């Protein structure tokens, strides 16, 4: 890992975990240089990167201050990853689900309207990957993610595709907490629910595709809540 990536990853994770609190300054530059053992240029470049993600505000004669959470770019893949590492509580999971309910049913409906034959081939292949993955929780999560991203691609809306980090974070966190591969009946149920989305897209059924996607998101939330109570 480069010194830049190390500083960005360490400080970013610490901010999301609450070690450096909003509206408080980071430690003095000299202390940070000693901690990371890097040049002033490397440290300042890392600060610039974190500022670009909305986590820090650097001002002359004031220092580098942690920005309020309202400034944080939660669509940034790194910030989402650090947030999950810091502990994905019920509020965070619900917020992710809210975004997915607004985004993914629309993507599925658009895919039903705009998909090409190549899109359908890719979507069916993703379902078969999910069906074949019966051992690895991570492998199943990646196959599921690939399907959701393929639906975004089939929507032909580049803005939807650019929000893939939200989908990725939600799916990987959900399936690692409650992996369907641990229970054959659940594995079958989840695969069939995703196959229904693809069937609706294939038929050009926009309302059906949207509803099938919404059902997948909602059932995933139910599983996560059940796991949290165990």
Protein backbone atom coordinates (compact mmCIF):
# COMPACT_ATOMS: atom_id res chain seq x y z
CA UNK A 1 0.00 0.00 0.00
CA UNK A 2 1.37 3.44 -0.90
CA UNK A 3 1.92 6.08 1.77
CA UNK A 4 -0.91 8.14 0.22
CA UNK A 5 -3.36 5.22 0.33
CA UNK A 6 -2.29 4.38 3.89
CA UNK A 7 -2.92 7.91 5.16
CA UNK A 8 -6.23 8.25 3.32
CA UNK A 9 -7.47 4.83 4.45
CA UNK A 10 -6.38 5.24 8.06
CA UNK A 11 -7.70 8.76 8.59
CA UNK A 12 -10.88 8.09 6.61
CA UNK A 13 -11.69 5.01 8.66
CA UNK A 14 -10.94 6.87 11.90
CA UNK A 15 -13.25 9.74 10.95
CA UNK A 16 -16.10 7.37 10.10
CA UNK A 17 -15.51 5.49 13.35
CA UNK A 18 -15.71 8.74 15.34
CA UNK A 19 -12.08 8.91 16.49
CA UNK A 20 -11.82 12.37 14.91
CA UNK A 21 -15.08 14.14 15.57
CA UNK A 22 -16.90 16.64 13.33
CA UNK A 23 -15.87 20.30 13.73
CA UNK A 24 -12.67 19.28 15.54
CA UNK A 25 -9.19 19.75 14.10
CA UNK A 26 -6.97 16.86 13.14
CA UNK A 27 -3.72 16.57 15.14
CA UNK A 28 -1.03 19.10 14.18
CA UNK A 29 0.88 18.50 10.96
CA UNK A 30 4.13 17.70 12.78
CA UNK A 31 2.38 14.99 14.80
CA UNK A 32 0.83 13.50 11.65
CA UNK A 33 4.16 13.51 9.82
CA UNK A 34 5.78 11.66 12.70
CA UNK A 35 2.92 9.18 12.94
CA UNK A 36 2.90 8.19 9.28
CA UNK A 37 6.56 8.73 8.55
CA UNK A 38 5.88 10.53 5.27
CA UNK A 39 6.83 13.77 3.58
CA UNK A 40 4.81 16.96 3.99
CA UNK A 41 3.81 16.67 0.32
CA UNK A 42 2.42 13.14 0.80
CA UNK A 43 0.43 14.20 3.85
CA UNK A 44 -1.03 17.25 2.13
CA UNK A 45 -2.02 15.20 -0.93
CA UNK A 46 -3.85 12.76 1.35
CA UNK A 47 -5.60 15.65 3.11
CA UNK A 48 -6.63 16.98 -0.30
CA UNK A 49 -8.09 13.58 -1.23
CA UNK A 50 -10.10 13.37 2.00
CA UNK A 51 -11.28 16.96 1.50
CA UNK A 52 -12.51 15.96 -1.96
CA UNK A 53 -14.62 13.24 -0.34
CA UNK A 54 -16.18 15.86 1.93
CA UNK A 55 -14.57 14.56 5.13
CA UNK A 56 -12.14 17.42 5.83
CA UNK A 57 -12.00 21.18 5.52
CA UNK A 58 -8.50 22.70 5.37
CA UNK A 59 -8.17 26.43 6.02
CA UNK A 60 -5.15 28.66 6.39
CA UNK A 61 -4.45 29.68 10.02
CA UNK A 62 -7.31 27.44 11.17
CA UNK A 63 -5.94 23.99 10.43
CA UNK A 64 -7.55 20.89 9.01
CA UNK A 65 -10.97 20.29 10.51
CA UNK A 66 -13.31 17.31 10.25
CA UNK A 67 -16.36 18.36 8.25
CA UNK A 68 -19.91 17.83 9.52
CA UNK A 69 -21.47 14.53 8.29
CA UNK A 70 -23.83 16.53 6.08
CA UNK A 71 -20.80 17.28 3.90
CA UNK A 72 -19.66 13.67 3.55
CA UNK A 73 -20.10 12.08 0.13
CA UNK A 74 -21.83 8.83 0.99
CA UNK A 75 -21.83 7.79 -2.66
CA UNK A 76 -18.04 7.55 -2.51
CA UNK A 77 -17.04 3.84 -2.44
CA UNK A 78 -14.32 4.43 0.18
CA UNK A 79 -16.66 6.26 2.54
CA UNK A 80 -19.26 3.51 2.25
CA UNK A 81 -16.59 0.88 2.95
CA UNK A 82 -15.28 2.76 5.98
CA UNK A 83 -18.82 3.21 7.27
CA UNK A 84 -19.47 -0.52 7.12
CA UNK A 85 -16.12 -1.24 8.79
CA UNK A 86 -17.04 1.19 11.57
CA UNK A 87 -20.23 -0.77 12.18
CA UNK A 88 -23.31 -0.89 10.00
CA UNK A 89 -26.10 -0.11 12.46
CA UNK A 90 -29.82 -0.29 11.79
CA UNK A 91 -30.04 3.38 10.80
CA UNK A 92 -27.30 3.01 8.20
CA UNK A 93 -28.83 -0.15 6.78
CA UNK A 94 -32.24 1.50 6.55
CA UNK A 95 -30.72 4.51 4.80
CA UNK A 96 -29.07 2.23 2.25
CA UNK A 97 -32.34 0.38 1.70
CA UNK A 98 -34.20 3.66 1.18
CA UNK A 99 -31.76 4.66 -1.56
CA UNK A 100 -31.97 1.24 -3.17
CA UNK A 101 -35.79 1.31 -3.17
CA UNK A 102 -35.69 4.63 -4.98
CA UNK A 103 -33.01 3.61 -7.46
CA UNK A 104 -33.11 -0.06 -8.32
CA UNK A 105 -36.81 -0.60 -9.14
CA UNK A 106 -36.47 2.31 -11.57
CA UNK A 107 -33.35 0.69 -13.05
CA UNK A 108 -35.19 -2.61 -13.49
CA UNK A 109 -38.15 -0.89 -15.19
CA UNK A 110 -35.84 1.00 -17.54
CA UNK A 111 -33.98 -2.23 -18.29
CA UNK A 112 -37.29 -3.86 -19.26
CA UNK A 113 -37.85 -1.02 -21.71
CA UNK A 114 -34.34 -0.61 -23.13
CA UNK A 115 -32.51 -3.95 -22.80
CA UNK A 116 -30.80 -5.52 -25.78
CA UNK A 117 -30.30 -9.20 -26.52
CA UNK A 118 -26.74 -8.91 -25.26
CA UNK A 119 -28.09 -7.48 -22.00
CA UNK A 120 -30.46 -10.43 -21.61
CA UNK A 121 -27.65 -12.91 -22.21
CA UNK A 122 -25.59 -11.20 -19.50
CA UNK A 123 -28.51 -11.12 -17.05
CA UNK A 124 -29.31 -14.82 -17.51
CA UNK A 125 -25.64 -15.70 -17.06
CA UNK A 126 -25.61 -13.82 -13.75
CA UNK A 127 -28.63 -15.74 -12.49
CA UNK A 128 -26.93 -19.01 -13.39
CA UNK A 129 -23.80 -17.89 -11.53
CA UNK A 130 -25.93 -17.28 -8.46
CA UNK A 131 -27.61 -20.65 -8.87
CA UNK A 132 -24.27 -22.46 -9.16
CA UNK A 133 -22.67 -20.73 -6.16
CA UNK A 134 -23.75 -22.86 -3.21
CA UNK A 135 -20.67 -22.80 -0.95
CA UNK A 136 -19.05 -19.36 -0.73
CA UNK A 137 -20.94 -16.46 0.86
CA UNK A 138 -18.59 -13.99 -0.78
CA UNK A 139 -18.85 -15.76 -4.14
CA UNK A 140 -22.64 -15.63 -3.99
CA UNK A 141 -22.59 -11.96 -3.00
CA UNK A 142 -20.33 -11.13 -5.93
CA UNK A 143 -22.57 -13.03 -8.37
CA UNK A 144 -25.61 -11.19 -7.03
CA UNK A 145 -23.80 -7.86 -7.29
CA UNK A 146 -22.88 -8.65 -10.88
CA UNK A 147 -26.56 -9.15 -11.68
CA UNK A 148 -27.60 -5.86 -10.10
CA UNK A 149 -24.85 -4.00 -11.94
CA UNK A 150 -25.90 -5.68 -15.20
CA UNK A 151 -29.44 -4.43 -14.63
CA UNK A 152 -28.04 -0.93 -14.14
CA UNK A 153 -26.12 -1.28 -17.41
CA UNK A 154 -29.24 -2.52 -19.20
CA UNK A 155 -31.12 0.58 -18.02
CA UNK A 156 -28.87 2.60 -20.34
CA UNK A 157 -28.82 5.39 -17.74
CA UNK A 158 -25.23 6.35 -16.88
CA UNK A 159 -26.28 8.11 -13.67
CA UNK A 160 -27.77 4.89 -12.33
CA UNK A 161 -24.61 2.99 -13.20
CA UNK A 162 -22.49 5.59 -11.40
CA UNK A 163 -24.33 4.89 -8.13
CA UNK A 164 -23.14 1.28 -8.10
CA UNK A 165 -21.14 1.81 -4.89
CA UNK A 166 -24.36 2.05 -2.86
CA UNK A 167 -25.63 -1.23 -4.29
CA UNK A 168 -22.28 -2.94 -3.81
CA UNK A 169 -21.99 -1.91 -0.16
CA UNK A 170 -25.54 -2.97 0.64
CA UNK A 171 -25.27 -6.36 -1.06
CA UNK A 172 -21.87 -7.39 0.25
CA UNK A 173 -22.73 -6.34 3.79
CA UNK A 174 -26.12 -8.06 3.66
CA UNK A 175 -24.95 -11.35 2.23
CA UNK A 176 -21.95 -11.61 4.53
CA UNK A 177 -24.18 -11.02 7.56
CA UNK A 178 -26.89 -13.41 6.37
CA UNK A 179 -25.43 -15.64 3.61
CA UNK A 180 -28.12 -17.54 1.65
CA UNK A 181 -25.63 -20.33 0.85
CA UNK A 182 -25.86 -21.55 4.46
CA UNK A 183 -29.45 -22.69 3.88
CA UNK A 184 -30.40 -24.50 0.65
CA UNK A 185 -34.03 -23.41 0.81
CA UNK A 186 -33.04 -19.76 1.28
CA UNK A 187 -30.49 -20.02 -1.53
CA UNK A 188 -33.23 -21.32 -3.86
CA UNK A 189 -35.66 -18.61 -2.75
CA UNK A 190 -33.17 -15.78 -3.31
CA UNK A 191 -32.09 -17.09 -6.73
CA UNK A 192 -35.70 -17.48 -7.86
CA UNK A 193 -36.55 -13.96 -6.71
CA UNK A 194 -33.72 -12.58 -8.83
CA UNK A 195 -34.66 -14.82 -11.76
CA UNK A 196 -38.15 -13.27 -11.63
CA UNK A 197 -36.62 -9.80 -12.14
CA UNK A 198 -34.82 -11.08 -15.24
CA UNK A 199 -37.98 -12.79 -16.51
CA UNK A 200 -39.90 -9.51 -16.23
CA UNK A 201 -37.10 -7.61 -17.98
CA UNK A 202 -37.09 -10.22 -20.75
CA UNK A 203 -40.85 -9.80 -21.28
CA UNK A 204 -40.59 -6.03 -21.26
CA UNK A 205 -42.79 -5.91 -18.16
CA UNK A 206 -41.73 -2.60 -16.58
CA UNK A 207 -44.10 -2.60 -13.55
CA UNK A 208 -43.37 -6.29 -12.92
CA UNK A 209 -39.60 -5.76 -13.04
CA UNK A 210 -39.84 -2.84 -10.62
CA UNK A 211 -42.03 -4.78 -8.20
CA UNK A 212 -39.81 -7.87 -8.35
CA UNK A 213 -36.77 -5.73 -7.57
CA UNK A 214 -38.57 -4.04 -4.70
CA UNK A 215 -39.47 -7.46 -3.27
CA UNK A 216 -35.81 -8.55 -3.41
CA UNK A 217 -34.69 -5.43 -1.52
CA UNK A 218 -37.43 -5.77 1.09
CA UNK A 219 -36.76 -9.46 1.73
CA UNK A 220 -33.07 -8.71 2.21
CA UNK A 221 -33.95 -6.10 4.81
CA UNK A 222 -36.17 -8.58 6.64
CA UNK A 223 -33.28 -11.08 6.81
CA UNK A 224 -30.87 -8.45 8.12
CA UNK A 225 -33.29 -7.34 10.82
CA UNK A 226 -33.85 -10.95 11.86
CA UNK A 227 -30.09 -11.53 12.12
CA UNK A 228 -29.68 -8.37 14.20
CA UNK A 229 -32.15 -9.72 16.77
CA UNK A 230 -30.34 -13.07 17.14
